[in-house]
Amino acid sequence: MKILTSIIVVLSLMVMTMTAVRAAAIDNLRTTFFSGRRHRQHEHALALPQERFSSCGSISSDIFSLQSVKSSQHLCSGCKACVSIEGLLKGRIERGAKVTLKVSKFFFTVLDKTYDLCDLLEKVEGGPKCPMEPTYKGLKACLPLDKSLISANIKVSAVDAQQRPLFCIEGTAMVESRCPAEFGPGSVACTL
């Protein structure tokens, strides 16, 4: 009986020790992970303060070689989101080019809409007109943001009139429901 009691005590001590070691290890991992993540986020915020999006296309096959992406400082619910991309246009863009906006949340597609690329570009004041010849270009397009979106994964891809890939950008965006007055609904920055 004493042996059985001793074994139970030893097992209990082992379980308590393993639990304490496990808790310490988890706490150490959390501290390392979160401090590292904060450090990386801080470095990223310093390096690219407004970049939410990155290329998801192919440098070798895309007609527009993407070099930088910039988006609106505030993505406001019920306003337009403007995205500017810069890069090398390696081929001609003619009428018939399409851009697709795909918005997903928790692996579900909540919006999948296709727009005429030339129409979008021409709506921006001073924007390029189709047809566009190969050159180093900056393109800017503005798309309306649905008032029901809060945050989502966004993918914007474009094809030319012959269905060849032009570019692809994707990222995660937090759509603000309460924007600063100078950016929100009714402001000059938000014109629908």
N, C-alpha and C. Protein backbone atom coordinates (compact mmCIF):
# COMPACT_ATOMS: atom_id res chain seq x y z
N MET A 1 0.81 -1.18 0.00
CA MET A 1 0.00 0.00 0.00
C MET A 1 0.87 1.26 0.00
N LYS A 2 1.98 1.22 0.80
CA LYS A 2 2.88 2.37 0.84
C LYS A 2 3.50 2.60 -0.52
N ILE A 3 3.82 1.51 -1.23
CA ILE A 3 4.42 1.64 -2.56
C ILE A 3 3.43 2.30 -3.51
N LEU A 4 2.16 1.88 -3.45
CA LEU A 4 1.12 2.45 -4.31
C LEU A 4 0.94 3.93 -4.00
N THR A 5 0.93 4.30 -2.74
CA THR A 5 0.81 5.70 -2.34
C THR A 5 2.01 6.49 -2.83
N SER A 6 3.20 5.93 -2.71
CA SER A 6 4.41 6.60 -3.18
C SER A 6 4.37 6.82 -4.68
N ILE A 7 3.90 5.81 -5.41
CA ILE A 7 3.80 5.92 -6.88
C ILE A 7 2.81 7.02 -7.25
N ILE A 8 1.68 7.07 -6.55
CA ILE A 8 0.66 8.09 -6.82
C ILE A 8 1.23 9.48 -6.54
N VAL A 9 1.97 9.63 -5.42
CA VAL A 9 2.57 10.92 -5.08
C VAL A 9 3.59 11.32 -6.15
N VAL A 10 4.44 10.37 -6.56
CA VAL A 10 5.45 10.66 -7.59
C VAL A 10 4.76 11.04 -8.90
N LEU A 11 3.73 10.30 -9.29
CA LEU A 11 3.00 10.62 -10.53
C LEU A 11 2.35 11.99 -10.43
N SER A 12 1.78 12.31 -9.29
CA SER A 12 1.16 13.62 -9.10
C SER A 12 2.19 14.73 -9.23
N LEU A 13 3.36 14.52 -8.60
CA LEU A 13 4.43 15.51 -8.71
C LEU A 13 4.90 15.66 -10.16
N MET A 14 4.99 14.54 -10.88
CA MET A 14 5.41 14.58 -12.28
C MET A 14 4.39 15.37 -13.11
N VAL A 15 3.11 15.09 -12.88
CA VAL A 15 2.06 15.79 -13.63
C VAL A 15 2.11 17.28 -13.32
N MET A 16 2.26 17.64 -12.04
CA MET A 16 2.33 19.06 -11.67
C MET A 16 3.56 19.71 -12.29
N THR A 17 4.69 19.01 -12.28
CA THR A 17 5.92 19.55 -12.86
C THR A 17 5.76 19.73 -14.36
N MET A 18 5.19 18.70 -15.03
CA MET A 18 4.99 18.79 -16.48
C MET A 18 4.03 19.92 -16.82
N THR A 19 2.99 20.10 -16.01
CA THR A 19 2.04 21.18 -16.25
C THR A 19 2.72 22.53 -16.09
N ALA A 20 3.56 22.67 -15.05
CA ALA A 20 4.27 23.93 -14.83
C ALA A 20 5.26 24.19 -15.97
N VAL A 21 5.99 23.15 -16.39
CA VAL A 21 6.95 23.29 -17.49
C VAL A 21 6.21 23.66 -18.77
N ARG A 22 5.09 22.99 -19.03
CA ARG A 22 4.30 23.27 -20.23
C ARG A 22 3.78 24.71 -20.21
N ALA A 23 3.27 25.15 -19.06
CA ALA A 23 2.76 26.52 -18.94
C ALA A 23 3.88 27.53 -19.16
N ALA A 24 5.05 27.25 -18.59
CA ALA A 24 6.19 28.16 -18.78
C ALA A 24 6.62 28.19 -20.24
N ALA A 25 6.63 27.02 -20.88
CA ALA A 25 7.02 26.95 -22.29
C ALA A 25 6.02 27.72 -23.16
N ILE A 26 4.73 27.54 -22.88
CA ILE A 26 3.70 28.25 -23.65
C ILE A 26 3.84 29.75 -23.43
N ASP A 27 4.05 30.16 -22.17
CA ASP A 27 4.22 31.57 -21.87
C ASP A 27 5.45 32.14 -22.58
N ASN A 28 6.54 31.36 -22.60
CA ASN A 28 7.75 31.78 -23.29
C ASN A 28 7.50 31.91 -24.79
N LEU A 29 6.78 30.93 -25.36
CA LEU A 29 6.46 31.00 -26.79
C LEU A 29 5.60 32.22 -27.09
N ARG A 30 4.59 32.46 -26.24
CA ARG A 30 3.72 33.63 -26.45
C ARG A 30 4.54 34.91 -26.43
N THR A 31 5.38 35.04 -25.41
CA THR A 31 6.19 36.25 -25.29
C THR A 31 7.09 36.42 -26.50
N THR A 32 7.77 35.35 -26.90
CA THR A 32 8.66 35.41 -28.05
C THR A 32 7.87 35.72 -29.32
N PHE A 33 6.74 35.03 -29.52
CA PHE A 33 5.94 35.21 -30.73
C PHE A 33 5.39 36.62 -30.81
N PHE A 34 4.74 37.06 -29.73
CA PHE A 34 4.09 38.37 -29.79
C PHE A 34 5.10 39.51 -29.82
N SER A 35 6.19 39.41 -29.07
CA SER A 35 7.18 40.49 -29.14
C SER A 35 7.84 40.50 -30.51
N GLY A 36 8.10 39.33 -31.08
CA GLY A 36 8.67 39.25 -32.43
C GLY A 36 7.70 39.80 -33.46
N ARG A 37 6.42 39.46 -33.29
CA ARG A 37 5.42 39.93 -34.24
C ARG A 37 5.27 41.45 -34.13
N ARG A 38 5.25 41.96 -32.88
CA ARG A 38 5.16 43.40 -32.71
C ARG A 38 6.36 44.09 -33.35
N HIS A 39 7.54 43.49 -33.17
CA HIS A 39 8.75 44.06 -33.75
C HIS A 39 8.66 44.06 -35.28
N ARG A 40 8.21 42.93 -35.84
CA ARG A 40 8.07 42.85 -37.30
C ARG A 40 7.01 43.83 -37.79
N GLN A 41 5.87 43.93 -37.05
CA GLN A 41 4.84 44.86 -37.45
C GLN A 41 5.36 46.29 -37.39
N HIS A 42 6.13 46.59 -36.35
CA HIS A 42 6.68 47.93 -36.21
C HIS A 42 7.64 48.23 -37.36
N GLU A 43 8.52 47.27 -37.67
CA GLU A 43 9.44 47.48 -38.80
C GLU A 43 8.67 47.66 -40.09
N HIS A 44 7.62 46.84 -40.29
CA HIS A 44 6.82 46.92 -41.50
C HIS A 44 6.11 48.28 -41.56
N ALA A 45 5.57 48.72 -40.43
CA ALA A 45 4.87 50.00 -40.41
C ALA A 45 5.81 51.15 -40.74
N LEU A 46 7.06 51.06 -40.28
CA LEU A 46 8.02 52.11 -40.59
C LEU A 46 8.42 52.08 -42.05
N ALA A 47 8.57 50.88 -42.59
CA ALA A 47 9.05 50.75 -43.97
C ALA A 47 7.95 51.08 -44.98
N LEU A 48 6.76 50.58 -44.76
CA LEU A 48 5.67 50.75 -45.72
C LEU A 48 4.40 51.19 -44.99
N PRO A 49 4.27 52.46 -44.62
CA PRO A 49 3.16 52.87 -43.78
C PRO A 49 1.78 52.70 -44.41
N GLN A 50 1.63 52.81 -45.71
CA GLN A 50 0.31 52.74 -46.31
C GLN A 50 0.07 51.50 -47.16
N GLU A 51 1.05 50.65 -47.31
CA GLU A 51 0.90 49.50 -48.20
C GLU A 51 0.08 48.40 -47.52
N ARG A 52 -1.06 48.10 -48.09
CA ARG A 52 -1.90 47.01 -47.60
C ARG A 52 -1.85 45.84 -48.58
N PHE A 53 -1.45 46.13 -49.80
CA PHE A 53 -1.56 45.15 -50.86
C PHE A 53 -0.20 44.79 -51.43
N SER A 54 -0.13 43.60 -52.02
CA SER A 54 1.09 43.15 -52.68
C SER A 54 0.70 42.41 -53.95
N SER A 55 1.68 42.13 -54.78
CA SER A 55 1.43 41.46 -56.05
C SER A 55 1.14 39.98 -55.85
N CYS A 56 0.16 39.48 -56.59
CA CYS A 56 -0.11 38.04 -56.61
C CYS A 56 0.01 37.52 -58.04
N GLY A 57 0.57 38.35 -58.91
CA GLY A 57 0.74 37.98 -60.31
C GLY A 57 2.11 37.41 -60.59
N SER A 58 2.41 37.28 -61.87
CA SER A 58 3.68 36.72 -62.31
C SER A 58 4.46 37.79 -63.08
N ILE A 59 5.66 38.07 -62.64
CA ILE A 59 6.50 39.07 -63.31
C ILE A 59 6.74 38.69 -64.77
N SER A 60 6.89 37.39 -65.01
CA SER A 60 7.22 36.95 -66.37
C SER A 60 6.03 36.99 -67.33
N SER A 61 4.81 36.74 -66.84
CA SER A 61 3.69 36.66 -67.78
C SER A 61 2.73 37.85 -67.72
N ASP A 62 2.72 38.62 -66.63
CA ASP A 62 1.81 39.76 -66.55
C ASP A 62 2.23 40.85 -67.53
N ILE A 63 1.26 41.46 -68.18
CA ILE A 63 1.54 42.52 -69.14
C ILE A 63 1.96 43.80 -68.41
N PHE A 64 1.49 43.98 -67.19
CA PHE A 64 1.87 45.12 -66.37
C PHE A 64 2.76 44.61 -65.24
N SER A 65 4.07 44.89 -65.31
CA SER A 65 5.01 44.47 -64.25
C SER A 65 4.87 45.42 -63.07
N LEU A 66 4.25 44.95 -62.04
CA LEU A 66 3.95 45.75 -60.87
C LEU A 66 5.21 46.07 -60.07
N GLN A 67 5.40 47.35 -59.74
CA GLN A 67 6.56 47.75 -58.93
C GLN A 67 6.15 48.32 -57.58
N SER A 68 4.99 48.97 -57.48
CA SER A 68 4.52 49.45 -56.18
C SER A 68 3.00 49.55 -56.18
N VAL A 69 2.44 49.45 -54.99
CA VAL A 69 0.99 49.53 -54.79
C VAL A 69 0.75 50.50 -53.64
N LYS A 70 -0.17 51.43 -53.81
CA LYS A 70 -0.56 52.35 -52.74
C LYS A 70 -2.07 52.42 -52.71
N SER A 71 -2.63 52.43 -51.51
CA SER A 71 -4.09 52.50 -51.39
C SER A 71 -4.47 53.71 -50.54
N SER A 72 -5.77 54.01 -50.53
CA SER A 72 -6.29 55.11 -49.73
C SER A 72 -5.83 54.95 -48.28
N GLN A 73 -5.53 56.08 -47.63
CA GLN A 73 -5.10 56.02 -46.24
C GLN A 73 -6.20 55.44 -45.37
N HIS A 74 -7.43 55.87 -45.60
CA HIS A 74 -8.58 55.35 -44.86
C HIS A 74 -9.50 54.66 -45.85
N LEU A 75 -9.84 53.41 -45.58
CA LEU A 75 -10.84 52.70 -46.37
C LEU A 75 -12.14 52.84 -45.61
N CYS A 76 -13.03 53.72 -46.08
CA CYS A 76 -14.23 54.08 -45.34
C CYS A 76 -15.46 53.41 -45.94
N SER A 77 -16.28 52.84 -45.06
CA SER A 77 -17.51 52.20 -45.47
C SER A 77 -18.40 53.20 -46.20
N GLY A 78 -18.89 52.81 -47.37
CA GLY A 78 -19.76 53.67 -48.15
C GLY A 78 -19.03 54.67 -49.03
N CYS A 79 -17.71 54.64 -49.04
CA CYS A 79 -16.92 55.54 -49.87
C CYS A 79 -16.24 54.75 -50.98
N LYS A 80 -15.39 55.42 -51.71
CA LYS A 80 -14.60 54.74 -52.74
C LYS A 80 -13.23 54.42 -52.17
N ALA A 81 -12.71 53.27 -52.56
CA ALA A 81 -11.34 52.90 -52.22
C ALA A 81 -10.52 53.09 -53.48
N CYS A 82 -9.48 53.88 -53.37
CA CYS A 82 -8.62 54.13 -54.53
C CYS A 82 -7.30 53.39 -54.35
N VAL A 83 -6.88 52.74 -55.42
CA VAL A 83 -5.62 52.01 -55.42
C VAL A 83 -4.79 52.53 -56.59
N SER A 84 -3.56 52.90 -56.31
CA SER A 84 -2.62 53.34 -57.35
C SER A 84 -1.54 52.28 -57.49
N ILE A 85 -1.26 51.89 -58.72
CA ILE A 85 -0.18 50.93 -58.95
C ILE A 85 0.79 51.55 -59.95
N GLU A 86 2.06 51.27 -59.75
CA GLU A 86 3.08 51.75 -60.68
C GLU A 86 3.87 50.56 -61.19
N GLY A 87 4.30 50.68 -62.43
CA GLY A 87 5.08 49.61 -63.01
C GLY A 87 5.28 49.81 -64.49
N LEU A 88 5.77 48.79 -65.14
CA LEU A 88 6.08 48.84 -66.56
C LEU A 88 4.97 48.15 -67.35
N LEU A 89 4.32 48.89 -68.22
CA LEU A 89 3.31 48.34 -69.10
C LEU A 89 4.02 47.79 -70.33
N LYS A 90 4.06 46.44 -70.45
CA LYS A 90 4.84 45.79 -71.52
C LYS A 90 4.04 45.57 -72.79
N GLY A 91 2.73 45.77 -72.73
CA GLY A 91 1.89 45.56 -73.91
C GLY A 91 0.78 46.60 -73.94
N ARG A 92 0.07 46.65 -75.04
CA ARG A 92 -1.00 47.62 -75.24
C ARG A 92 -2.26 47.18 -74.49
N ILE A 93 -2.94 48.15 -73.86
CA ILE A 93 -4.24 47.88 -73.23
C ILE A 93 -5.30 48.55 -74.09
N GLU A 94 -6.24 47.74 -74.56
CA GLU A 94 -7.32 48.24 -75.41
C GLU A 94 -8.65 48.07 -74.70
N ARG A 95 -9.68 48.68 -75.27
CA ARG A 95 -11.04 48.51 -74.73
C ARG A 95 -11.36 47.02 -74.70
N GLY A 96 -12.05 46.63 -73.67
CA GLY A 96 -12.36 45.21 -73.49
C GLY A 96 -11.57 44.60 -72.35
N ALA A 97 -10.59 45.36 -71.82
CA ALA A 97 -9.84 44.88 -70.65
C ALA A 97 -10.77 44.90 -69.45
N LYS A 98 -10.65 43.91 -68.60
CA LYS A 98 -11.53 43.76 -67.43
C LYS A 98 -10.71 43.68 -66.16
N VAL A 99 -11.30 44.17 -65.08
CA VAL A 99 -10.70 44.03 -63.76
C VAL A 99 -11.74 43.38 -62.85
N THR A 100 -11.31 42.39 -62.10
CA THR A 100 -12.21 41.66 -61.21
C THR A 100 -11.83 41.94 -59.77
N LEU A 101 -12.83 42.31 -58.98
CA LEU A 101 -12.67 42.54 -57.55
C LEU A 101 -13.31 41.37 -56.83
N LYS A 102 -12.50 40.65 -56.06
CA LYS A 102 -13.02 39.52 -55.30
C LYS A 102 -12.75 39.79 -53.82
N VAL A 103 -13.81 39.79 -53.03
CA VAL A 103 -13.71 40.04 -51.59
C VAL A 103 -14.15 38.78 -50.87
N SER A 104 -13.30 38.31 -49.96
CA SER A 104 -13.66 37.11 -49.20
C SER A 104 -13.48 37.37 -47.71
N LYS A 105 -14.29 36.68 -46.95
CA LYS A 105 -14.26 36.79 -45.49
C LYS A 105 -14.44 35.38 -44.94
N PHE A 106 -13.51 34.96 -44.11
CA PHE A 106 -13.56 33.61 -43.53
C PHE A 106 -13.71 32.55 -44.62
N PHE A 107 -12.95 32.63 -45.67
CA PHE A 107 -12.90 31.66 -46.77
C PHE A 107 -14.16 31.67 -47.65
N PHE A 108 -15.09 32.59 -47.41
CA PHE A 108 -16.29 32.69 -48.22
C PHE A 108 -16.19 33.93 -49.10
N THR A 109 -16.55 33.80 -50.37
CA THR A 109 -16.56 34.94 -51.27
C THR A 109 -17.83 35.74 -51.01
N VAL A 110 -17.67 37.01 -50.63
CA VAL A 110 -18.83 37.85 -50.35
C VAL A 110 -19.09 38.84 -51.49
N LEU A 111 -18.10 39.02 -52.36
CA LEU A 111 -18.29 39.89 -53.51
C LEU A 111 -17.35 39.42 -54.61
N ASP A 112 -17.88 39.28 -55.80
CA ASP A 112 -17.08 38.90 -56.96
C ASP A 112 -17.66 39.69 -58.13
N LYS A 113 -17.03 40.82 -58.44
CA LYS A 113 -17.59 41.71 -59.44
C LYS A 113 -16.53 42.08 -60.47
N THR A 114 -16.94 42.15 -61.73
CA THR A 114 -16.04 42.49 -62.82
C THR A 114 -16.43 43.86 -63.38
N TYR A 115 -15.42 44.69 -63.60
CA TYR A 115 -15.61 46.04 -64.14
C TYR A 115 -14.83 46.17 -65.43
N ASP A 116 -15.22 47.14 -66.26
CA ASP A 116 -14.46 47.48 -67.45
C ASP A 116 -13.27 48.33 -66.99
N LEU A 117 -12.06 47.87 -67.21
CA LEU A 117 -10.86 48.55 -66.73
C LEU A 117 -10.73 49.96 -67.32
N CYS A 118 -10.97 50.09 -68.60
CA CYS A 118 -10.83 51.40 -69.24
C CYS A 118 -11.83 52.41 -68.67
N ASP A 119 -13.07 51.98 -68.41
CA ASP A 119 -14.06 52.87 -67.81
C ASP A 119 -13.62 53.34 -66.42
N LEU A 120 -13.09 52.42 -65.61
CA LEU A 120 -12.63 52.79 -64.27
C LEU A 120 -11.49 53.79 -64.33
N LEU A 121 -10.52 53.54 -65.21
CA LEU A 121 -9.36 54.43 -65.31
C LEU A 121 -9.76 55.81 -65.81
N GLU A 122 -10.72 55.86 -66.73
CA GLU A 122 -11.13 57.14 -67.31
C GLU A 122 -11.97 57.97 -66.35
N LYS A 123 -12.54 57.34 -65.32
CA LYS A 123 -13.33 58.08 -64.32
C LYS A 123 -12.45 58.86 -63.36
N VAL A 124 -11.19 58.50 -63.26
CA VAL A 124 -10.26 59.21 -62.38
C VAL A 124 -9.78 60.45 -63.12
N GLU A 125 -9.89 61.61 -62.45
CA GLU A 125 -9.48 62.86 -63.08
C GLU A 125 -8.02 62.79 -63.52
N GLY A 126 -7.78 63.06 -64.79
CA GLY A 126 -6.43 63.00 -65.33
C GLY A 126 -5.95 61.59 -65.61
N GLY A 127 -6.86 60.62 -65.48
CA GLY A 127 -6.50 59.22 -65.69
C GLY A 127 -6.22 58.91 -67.15
N PRO A 128 -5.53 57.81 -67.41
CA PRO A 128 -5.21 57.45 -68.80
C PRO A 128 -6.45 57.03 -69.58
N LYS A 129 -6.37 57.18 -70.86
CA LYS A 129 -7.46 56.78 -71.76
C LYS A 129 -7.02 55.56 -72.55
N CYS A 130 -7.95 54.70 -72.85
CA CYS A 130 -7.65 53.53 -73.68
C CYS A 130 -7.76 53.93 -75.14
N PRO A 131 -6.96 53.38 -76.02
CA PRO A 131 -5.91 52.39 -75.77
C PRO A 131 -4.67 53.03 -75.15
N MET A 132 -3.95 52.23 -74.35
CA MET A 132 -2.70 52.67 -73.73
C MET A 132 -1.55 51.90 -74.35
N GLU A 133 -0.54 52.63 -74.74
CA GLU A 133 0.63 52.02 -75.36
C GLU A 133 1.62 51.57 -74.28
N PRO A 134 2.51 50.62 -74.61
CA PRO A 134 3.52 50.17 -73.65
C PRO A 134 4.39 51.35 -73.18
N THR A 135 4.58 51.46 -71.89
CA THR A 135 5.35 52.54 -71.28
C THR A 135 5.47 52.29 -69.79
N TYR A 136 6.25 53.13 -69.11
CA TYR A 136 6.25 53.10 -67.65
C TYR A 136 5.04 53.91 -67.23
N LYS A 137 4.11 53.30 -66.55
CA LYS A 137 2.84 53.94 -66.22
C LYS A 137 2.51 53.80 -64.76
N GLY A 138 1.76 54.74 -64.29
CA GLY A 138 1.10 54.62 -63.00
C GLY A 138 -0.39 54.59 -63.29
N LEU A 139 -1.09 53.63 -62.74
CA LEU A 139 -2.53 53.53 -62.94
C LEU A 139 -3.23 53.75 -61.61
N LYS A 140 -4.37 54.43 -61.66
CA LYS A 140 -5.15 54.64 -60.45
C LYS A 140 -6.59 54.31 -60.78
N ALA A 141 -7.22 53.52 -59.92
CA ALA A 141 -8.62 53.18 -60.10
C ALA A 141 -9.31 53.26 -58.75
N CYS A 142 -10.58 53.66 -58.76
CA CYS A 142 -11.35 53.77 -57.52
C CYS A 142 -12.58 52.88 -57.63
N LEU A 143 -12.81 52.10 -56.58
CA LEU A 143 -13.95 51.19 -56.55
C LEU A 143 -14.80 51.50 -55.33
N PRO A 144 -16.14 51.42 -55.44
CA PRO A 144 -16.98 51.68 -54.27
C PRO A 144 -16.86 50.55 -53.25
N LEU A 145 -16.83 50.91 -51.96
CA LEU A 145 -16.79 49.91 -50.88
C LEU A 145 -18.20 49.71 -50.35
N ASP A 146 -18.61 48.47 -50.27
CA ASP A 146 -19.91 48.12 -49.74
C ASP A 146 -19.98 48.53 -48.27
N LYS A 147 -21.11 49.11 -47.87
CA LYS A 147 -21.25 49.58 -46.49
C LYS A 147 -21.28 48.44 -45.48
N SER A 148 -21.54 47.21 -45.92
CA SER A 148 -21.63 46.09 -44.99
C SER A 148 -20.27 45.45 -44.69
N LEU A 149 -19.23 45.81 -45.44
CA LEU A 149 -17.92 45.21 -45.22
C LEU A 149 -17.24 45.82 -44.01
N ILE A 150 -16.64 44.99 -43.19
CA ILE A 150 -15.87 45.49 -42.05
C ILE A 150 -14.39 45.25 -42.32
N SER A 151 -14.02 44.01 -42.48
CA SER A 151 -12.65 43.69 -42.89
C SER A 151 -12.73 42.47 -43.78
N ALA A 152 -11.80 42.39 -44.70
CA ALA A 152 -11.89 41.30 -45.67
C ALA A 152 -10.57 41.13 -46.39
N ASN A 153 -10.45 39.99 -47.05
CA ASN A 153 -9.34 39.76 -47.96
C ASN A 153 -9.79 40.23 -49.33
N ILE A 154 -8.97 41.02 -49.96
CA ILE A 154 -9.33 41.61 -51.25
C ILE A 154 -8.32 41.18 -52.30
N LYS A 155 -8.84 40.78 -53.45
CA LYS A 155 -7.98 40.42 -54.57
C LYS A 155 -8.50 41.15 -55.80
N VAL A 156 -7.61 41.87 -56.47
CA VAL A 156 -7.96 42.59 -57.68
C VAL A 156 -7.07 42.05 -58.79
N SER A 157 -7.71 41.50 -59.82
CA SER A 157 -6.94 40.97 -60.95
C SER A 157 -7.51 41.56 -62.24
N ALA A 158 -6.65 41.71 -63.22
CA ALA A 158 -7.08 42.30 -64.48
C ALA A 158 -6.55 41.49 -65.65
N VAL A 159 -7.34 41.48 -66.73
CA VAL A 159 -6.94 40.82 -67.98
C VAL A 159 -7.17 41.80 -69.12
N ASP A 160 -6.40 41.63 -70.19
CA ASP A 160 -6.60 42.50 -71.35
C ASP A 160 -7.75 41.96 -72.19
N ALA A 161 -8.00 42.60 -73.32
CA ALA A 161 -9.12 42.21 -74.18
C ALA A 161 -8.99 40.78 -74.70
N GLN A 162 -7.75 40.25 -74.77
CA GLN A 162 -7.53 38.87 -75.23
C GLN A 162 -7.45 37.89 -74.05
N GLN A 163 -7.84 38.33 -72.86
CA GLN A 163 -7.85 37.51 -71.63
C GLN A 163 -6.46 37.13 -71.12
N ARG A 164 -5.43 37.88 -71.52
CA ARG A 164 -4.08 37.66 -70.98
C ARG A 164 -3.96 38.44 -69.67
N PRO A 165 -3.25 37.91 -68.67
CA PRO A 165 -3.17 38.59 -67.38
C PRO A 165 -2.41 39.92 -67.46
N LEU A 166 -3.04 40.97 -66.91
CA LEU A 166 -2.39 42.28 -66.82
C LEU A 166 -1.65 42.40 -65.49
N PHE A 167 -2.37 42.22 -64.39
CA PHE A 167 -1.76 42.31 -63.06
C PHE A 167 -2.69 41.64 -62.05
N CYS A 168 -2.16 41.43 -60.87
CA CYS A 168 -2.95 40.88 -59.76
C CYS A 168 -2.38 41.47 -58.47
N ILE A 169 -3.26 42.01 -57.63
CA ILE A 169 -2.84 42.46 -56.30
C ILE A 169 -3.81 41.89 -55.28
N GLU A 170 -3.31 41.65 -54.08
CA GLU A 170 -4.18 41.15 -53.02
C GLU A 170 -3.68 41.66 -51.67
N GLY A 171 -4.58 41.62 -50.71
CA GLY A 171 -4.23 42.04 -49.37
C GLY A 171 -5.43 41.99 -48.46
N THR A 172 -5.21 42.30 -47.21
CA THR A 172 -6.28 42.33 -46.22
C THR A 172 -6.54 43.78 -45.87
N ALA A 173 -7.79 44.16 -45.89
CA ALA A 173 -8.15 45.54 -45.60
C ALA A 173 -9.17 45.61 -44.48
N MET A 174 -8.99 46.57 -43.62
CA MET A 174 -9.94 46.86 -42.56
C MET A 174 -10.74 48.07 -43.03
N VAL A 175 -12.02 47.86 -43.29
CA VAL A 175 -12.88 48.95 -43.73
C VAL A 175 -13.44 49.63 -42.49
N GLU A 176 -13.18 50.92 -42.37
CA GLU A 176 -13.58 51.67 -41.19
C GLU A 176 -15.03 52.13 -41.30
N SER A 177 -15.82 51.87 -40.26
CA SER A 177 -17.20 52.34 -40.27
C SER A 177 -17.28 53.78 -39.77
N ARG A 178 -16.33 54.18 -38.93
CA ARG A 178 -16.29 55.56 -38.42
C ARG A 178 -14.97 56.19 -38.85
N CYS A 179 -15.01 56.90 -39.94
CA CYS A 179 -13.81 57.52 -40.48
C CYS A 179 -13.67 58.95 -39.98
N PRO A 180 -12.45 59.48 -40.00
CA PRO A 180 -12.28 60.90 -39.69
C PRO A 180 -13.13 61.73 -40.66
N ALA A 181 -13.66 62.84 -40.19
CA ALA A 181 -14.60 63.65 -40.98
C ALA A 181 -14.04 64.01 -42.36
N GLU A 182 -12.73 64.26 -42.44
CA GLU A 182 -12.16 64.67 -43.73
C GLU A 182 -12.04 63.51 -44.72
N PHE A 183 -12.27 62.26 -44.27
CA PHE A 183 -12.18 61.11 -45.17
C PHE A 183 -13.51 60.38 -45.35
N GLY A 184 -14.45 60.56 -44.43
CA GLY A 184 -15.68 59.77 -44.41
C GLY A 184 -16.74 60.26 -45.37
N PRO A 185 -17.94 59.63 -45.31
CA PRO A 185 -19.05 60.01 -46.18
C PRO A 185 -19.35 61.50 -46.08
N GLY A 186 -19.56 62.13 -47.23
CA GLY A 186 -19.84 63.55 -47.29
C GLY A 186 -18.60 64.41 -47.49
N SER A 187 -17.42 63.81 -47.37
CA SER A 187 -16.18 64.58 -47.55
C SER A 187 -15.76 64.57 -49.01
N VAL A 188 -14.83 65.44 -49.34
CA VAL A 188 -14.29 65.49 -50.70
C VAL A 188 -13.56 64.19 -51.01
N ALA A 189 -12.91 63.60 -50.01
CA ALA A 189 -12.16 62.35 -50.22
C ALA A 189 -13.08 61.17 -50.51
N CYS A 190 -14.34 61.31 -50.15
CA CYS A 190 -15.30 60.21 -50.35
C CYS A 190 -16.38 60.67 -51.30
N THR A 191 -16.18 60.46 -52.58
CA THR A 191 -17.17 60.88 -53.57
C THR A 191 -17.68 59.66 -54.30
N LEU A 192 -18.94 59.34 -54.07
CA LEU A 192 -19.56 58.19 -54.75
C LEU A 192 -20.37 58.65 -55.93
